[in-house]
Amino acid sequence: MINETEIELEVIPNSKEFNIIGFNQWTNALKIKVQGKAIKGQANKELVKKLEKIFQSKVQLIIGEKSRKKKVLLKGISKDQFLKILSSKT
């Protein structure tokens, strides 16, 4: 059985540093700041790279290539594992 977890994100590009701010209950999304600008996919590349490092899994951008609201798929990680790692980072 392959573990996969989908998460919805709100991404804030052009920030001073990469930071997982926390979970927004109103939008049901994880809020993340990235340093990359929203030009030529810079913010998306940084987002995927950092999430892969933090969660030690393959990350695929599913929805929101040109939007601040995104949905990503984390492959090889269960929802419980995701929440455990996330709680140590926020």
N, C-alpha and C. Protein backbone atom coordinates (compact mmCIF):
# COMPACT_ATOMS: atom_id res chain seq x y z
N MET A 1 0.83 -1.18 0.00
CA MET A 1 0.00 0.00 0.00
C MET A 1 0.88 1.25 0.00
N ILE A 2 0.59 2.17 -0.88
CA ILE A 2 1.37 3.40 -0.99
C ILE A 2 0.70 4.49 -0.17
N ASN A 3 1.50 5.11 0.68
CA ASN A 3 1.00 6.23 1.49
C ASN A 3 1.08 7.51 0.67
N GLU A 4 -0.01 8.25 0.63
CA GLU A 4 -0.04 9.54 -0.03
C GLU A 4 -0.92 10.47 0.78
N THR A 5 -0.54 11.74 0.82
CA THR A 5 -1.30 12.73 1.55
C THR A 5 -1.46 13.99 0.70
N GLU A 6 -2.69 14.43 0.53
CA GLU A 6 -2.96 15.68 -0.19
C GLU A 6 -3.14 16.80 0.83
N ILE A 7 -2.50 17.94 0.55
CA ILE A 7 -2.69 19.09 1.43
C ILE A 7 -2.94 20.34 0.60
N GLU A 8 -3.79 21.19 1.15
CA GLU A 8 -4.07 22.47 0.50
C GLU A 8 -3.20 23.52 1.15
N LEU A 9 -2.69 24.42 0.32
CA LEU A 9 -1.76 25.43 0.79
C LEU A 9 -2.19 26.83 0.37
N GLU A 10 -1.80 27.80 1.17
CA GLU A 10 -1.84 29.22 0.81
C GLU A 10 -0.38 29.65 0.82
N VAL A 11 0.13 30.06 -0.32
CA VAL A 11 1.55 30.40 -0.43
C VAL A 11 1.72 31.90 -0.56
N ILE A 12 2.64 32.44 0.23
CA ILE A 12 2.97 33.87 0.18
C ILE A 12 4.38 33.98 -0.40
N PRO A 13 4.48 34.39 -1.68
CA PRO A 13 5.80 34.49 -2.31
C PRO A 13 6.54 35.77 -1.90
N ASN A 14 7.82 35.83 -2.27
CA ASN A 14 8.66 37.01 -2.07
C ASN A 14 8.77 37.40 -0.60
N SER A 15 8.90 36.40 0.26
CA SER A 15 9.04 36.64 1.70
C SER A 15 10.52 36.66 2.08
N LYS A 16 10.82 37.10 3.28
CA LYS A 16 12.22 37.17 3.72
C LYS A 16 12.83 35.79 3.89
N GLU A 17 12.00 34.82 4.31
CA GLU A 17 12.50 33.45 4.50
C GLU A 17 11.37 32.45 4.34
N PHE A 18 11.75 31.19 4.10
CA PHE A 18 10.75 30.12 4.03
C PHE A 18 10.25 29.87 5.44
N ASN A 19 8.93 29.78 5.60
CA ASN A 19 8.36 29.58 6.92
C ASN A 19 6.97 28.96 6.81
N ILE A 20 6.74 27.91 7.57
CA ILE A 20 5.39 27.35 7.68
C ILE A 20 4.72 28.11 8.80
N ILE A 21 3.76 28.95 8.45
CA ILE A 21 3.12 29.82 9.43
C ILE A 21 2.15 29.05 10.30
N GLY A 22 1.35 28.21 9.69
CA GLY A 22 0.38 27.42 10.44
C GLY A 22 -0.83 27.12 9.60
N PHE A 23 -1.83 26.56 10.23
CA PHE A 23 -3.04 26.13 9.54
C PHE A 23 -4.12 27.20 9.66
N ASN A 24 -4.69 27.58 8.52
CA ASN A 24 -5.78 28.55 8.48
C ASN A 24 -7.11 27.78 8.48
N GLN A 25 -7.85 27.85 9.57
CA GLN A 25 -9.10 27.09 9.69
C GLN A 25 -10.17 27.57 8.71
N TRP A 26 -10.14 28.85 8.38
CA TRP A 26 -11.17 29.41 7.51
C TRP A 26 -11.04 28.91 6.07
N THR A 27 -9.81 28.79 5.61
CA THR A 27 -9.59 28.33 4.24
C THR A 27 -9.23 26.85 4.19
N ASN A 28 -9.07 26.23 5.36
CA ASN A 28 -8.71 24.82 5.45
C ASN A 28 -7.40 24.54 4.71
N ALA A 29 -6.43 25.45 4.89
CA ALA A 29 -5.17 25.33 4.17
C ALA A 29 -3.99 25.68 5.08
N LEU A 30 -2.86 25.08 4.77
CA LEU A 30 -1.62 25.36 5.47
C LEU A 30 -1.00 26.61 4.84
N LYS A 31 -0.65 27.58 5.66
CA LYS A 31 -0.11 28.85 5.17
C LYS A 31 1.42 28.79 5.22
N ILE A 32 2.05 29.08 4.06
CA ILE A 32 3.50 28.97 3.95
C ILE A 32 4.07 30.19 3.25
N LYS A 33 5.18 30.72 3.80
CA LYS A 33 5.90 31.82 3.16
C LYS A 33 7.10 31.22 2.41
N VAL A 34 7.35 31.72 1.19
CA VAL A 34 8.52 31.30 0.42
C VAL A 34 9.29 32.54 -0.03
N GLN A 35 10.59 32.39 -0.20
CA GLN A 35 11.43 33.51 -0.64
C GLN A 35 11.27 33.78 -2.13
N GLY A 36 11.05 32.72 -2.91
CA GLY A 36 10.97 32.85 -4.36
C GLY A 36 9.85 33.79 -4.80
N LYS A 37 10.10 34.46 -5.91
CA LYS A 37 9.09 35.34 -6.48
C LYS A 37 8.13 34.51 -7.33
N ALA A 38 6.95 35.06 -7.53
CA ALA A 38 5.94 34.38 -8.34
C ALA A 38 6.19 34.66 -9.83
N ILE A 39 7.42 34.44 -10.26
CA ILE A 39 7.82 34.66 -11.64
C ILE A 39 8.49 33.39 -12.15
N LYS A 40 8.01 32.90 -13.29
CA LYS A 40 8.60 31.72 -13.94
C LYS A 40 8.70 30.52 -13.00
N GLY A 41 7.75 30.38 -12.10
CA GLY A 41 7.68 29.21 -11.23
C GLY A 41 8.72 29.17 -10.11
N GLN A 42 9.39 30.29 -9.83
CA GLN A 42 10.41 30.30 -8.78
C GLN A 42 9.84 29.90 -7.42
N ALA A 43 8.70 30.46 -7.06
CA ALA A 43 8.09 30.15 -5.76
C ALA A 43 7.66 28.68 -5.71
N ASN A 44 7.12 28.16 -6.80
CA ASN A 44 6.69 26.75 -6.83
C ASN A 44 7.88 25.81 -6.67
N LYS A 45 8.99 26.12 -7.35
CA LYS A 45 10.18 25.26 -7.26
C LYS A 45 10.71 25.24 -5.83
N GLU A 46 10.77 26.41 -5.22
CA GLU A 46 11.24 26.47 -3.83
C GLU A 46 10.29 25.71 -2.90
N LEU A 47 9.00 25.91 -3.09
CA LEU A 47 8.00 25.25 -2.25
C LEU A 47 8.16 23.74 -2.30
N VAL A 48 8.24 23.19 -3.51
CA VAL A 48 8.36 21.73 -3.67
C VAL A 48 9.67 21.23 -3.05
N LYS A 49 10.76 21.92 -3.32
CA LYS A 49 12.06 21.51 -2.80
C LYS A 49 12.08 21.50 -1.27
N LYS A 50 11.57 22.56 -0.66
CA LYS A 50 11.57 22.66 0.81
C LYS A 50 10.64 21.64 1.44
N LEU A 51 9.45 21.44 0.85
CA LEU A 51 8.52 20.46 1.40
C LEU A 51 9.09 19.04 1.29
N GLU A 52 9.78 18.75 0.19
CA GLU A 52 10.40 17.43 0.04
C GLU A 52 11.46 17.21 1.12
N LYS A 53 12.21 18.25 1.44
CA LYS A 53 13.24 18.13 2.48
C LYS A 53 12.61 17.96 3.86
N ILE A 54 11.61 18.77 4.17
CA ILE A 54 10.98 18.71 5.49
C ILE A 54 10.28 17.38 5.73
N PHE A 55 9.49 16.93 4.74
CA PHE A 55 8.68 15.73 4.93
C PHE A 55 9.33 14.46 4.39
N GLN A 56 10.53 14.61 3.82
CA GLN A 56 11.29 13.48 3.28
C GLN A 56 10.42 12.60 2.40
N SER A 57 9.73 13.25 1.45
CA SER A 57 8.88 12.54 0.52
C SER A 57 8.86 13.30 -0.81
N LYS A 58 8.42 12.63 -1.84
CA LYS A 58 8.27 13.25 -3.14
C LYS A 58 7.03 14.13 -3.12
N VAL A 59 7.14 15.37 -3.61
CA VAL A 59 6.03 16.32 -3.60
C VAL A 59 5.65 16.66 -5.03
N GLN A 60 4.36 16.58 -5.31
CA GLN A 60 3.84 16.90 -6.64
C GLN A 60 2.79 18.00 -6.51
N LEU A 61 2.98 19.07 -7.28
CA LEU A 61 2.00 20.15 -7.32
C LEU A 61 0.83 19.69 -8.19
N ILE A 62 -0.36 19.60 -7.60
CA ILE A 62 -1.53 19.10 -8.32
C ILE A 62 -2.34 20.25 -8.91
N ILE A 63 -2.61 21.25 -8.09
CA ILE A 63 -3.46 22.39 -8.49
C ILE A 63 -2.79 23.68 -8.03
N GLY A 64 -2.90 24.73 -8.84
CA GLY A 64 -2.49 26.05 -8.41
C GLY A 64 -1.13 26.50 -8.90
N GLU A 65 -0.74 26.04 -10.08
CA GLU A 65 0.57 26.41 -10.60
C GLU A 65 0.75 27.93 -10.69
N LYS A 66 -0.33 28.64 -10.99
CA LYS A 66 -0.26 30.10 -11.13
C LYS A 66 -1.16 30.81 -10.12
N SER A 67 -1.31 30.21 -8.95
CA SER A 67 -2.18 30.77 -7.93
C SER A 67 -1.50 30.66 -6.57
N ARG A 68 -1.91 31.49 -5.65
CA ARG A 68 -1.40 31.37 -4.28
C ARG A 68 -2.03 30.19 -3.56
N LYS A 69 -3.21 29.79 -4.00
CA LYS A 69 -3.88 28.63 -3.42
C LYS A 69 -3.48 27.41 -4.21
N LYS A 70 -2.92 26.43 -3.52
CA LYS A 70 -2.36 25.26 -4.19
C LYS A 70 -2.80 23.98 -3.48
N LYS A 71 -2.68 22.90 -4.20
CA LYS A 71 -2.87 21.58 -3.60
C LYS A 71 -1.67 20.74 -4.03
N VAL A 72 -1.03 20.10 -3.04
CA VAL A 72 0.11 19.25 -3.33
C VAL A 72 -0.15 17.84 -2.84
N LEU A 73 0.54 16.90 -3.47
CA LEU A 73 0.47 15.50 -3.08
C LEU A 73 1.83 15.11 -2.54
N LEU A 74 1.85 14.61 -1.31
CA LEU A 74 3.07 14.10 -0.70
C LEU A 74 3.04 12.59 -0.82
N LYS A 75 3.99 12.04 -1.55
CA LYS A 75 4.03 10.59 -1.79
C LYS A 75 4.96 9.91 -0.79
N GLY A 76 4.50 8.80 -0.25
CA GLY A 76 5.31 8.03 0.69
C GLY A 76 5.19 8.49 2.12
N ILE A 77 4.13 9.23 2.43
CA ILE A 77 3.93 9.71 3.79
C ILE A 77 2.43 9.67 4.11
N SER A 78 2.10 9.11 5.26
CA SER A 78 0.70 9.05 5.67
C SER A 78 0.28 10.38 6.29
N LYS A 79 -1.01 10.55 6.45
CA LYS A 79 -1.52 11.77 7.07
C LYS A 79 -1.01 11.90 8.50
N ASP A 80 -0.96 10.80 9.22
CA ASP A 80 -0.47 10.82 10.60
C ASP A 80 1.00 11.24 10.67
N GLN A 81 1.81 10.70 9.75
CA GLN A 81 3.23 11.07 9.70
C GLN A 81 3.37 12.56 9.36
N PHE A 82 2.56 13.01 8.39
CA PHE A 82 2.57 14.41 7.99
C PHE A 82 2.26 15.31 9.19
N LEU A 83 1.21 15.00 9.93
CA LEU A 83 0.80 15.81 11.07
C LEU A 83 1.86 15.80 12.19
N LYS A 84 2.50 14.67 12.38
CA LYS A 84 3.54 14.58 13.40
C LYS A 84 4.73 15.48 13.05
N ILE A 85 5.18 15.43 11.80
CA ILE A 85 6.29 16.28 11.37
C ILE A 85 5.88 17.74 11.40
N LEU A 86 4.69 18.03 10.94
CA LEU A 86 4.20 19.41 10.91
C LEU A 86 4.14 20.01 12.32
N SER A 87 3.68 19.23 13.28
CA SER A 87 3.57 19.74 14.65
C SER A 87 4.95 20.09 15.24
N SER A 88 5.99 19.46 14.74
CA SER A 88 7.33 19.77 15.23
C SER A 88 7.93 21.00 14.53
N LYS A 89 7.30 21.43 13.43
CA LYS A 89 7.82 22.57 12.65
C LYS A 89 7.07 23.87 12.88
N THR A 90 5.90 23.80 13.50
CA THR A 90 5.12 25.03 13.69
C THR A 90 5.03 25.39 15.16
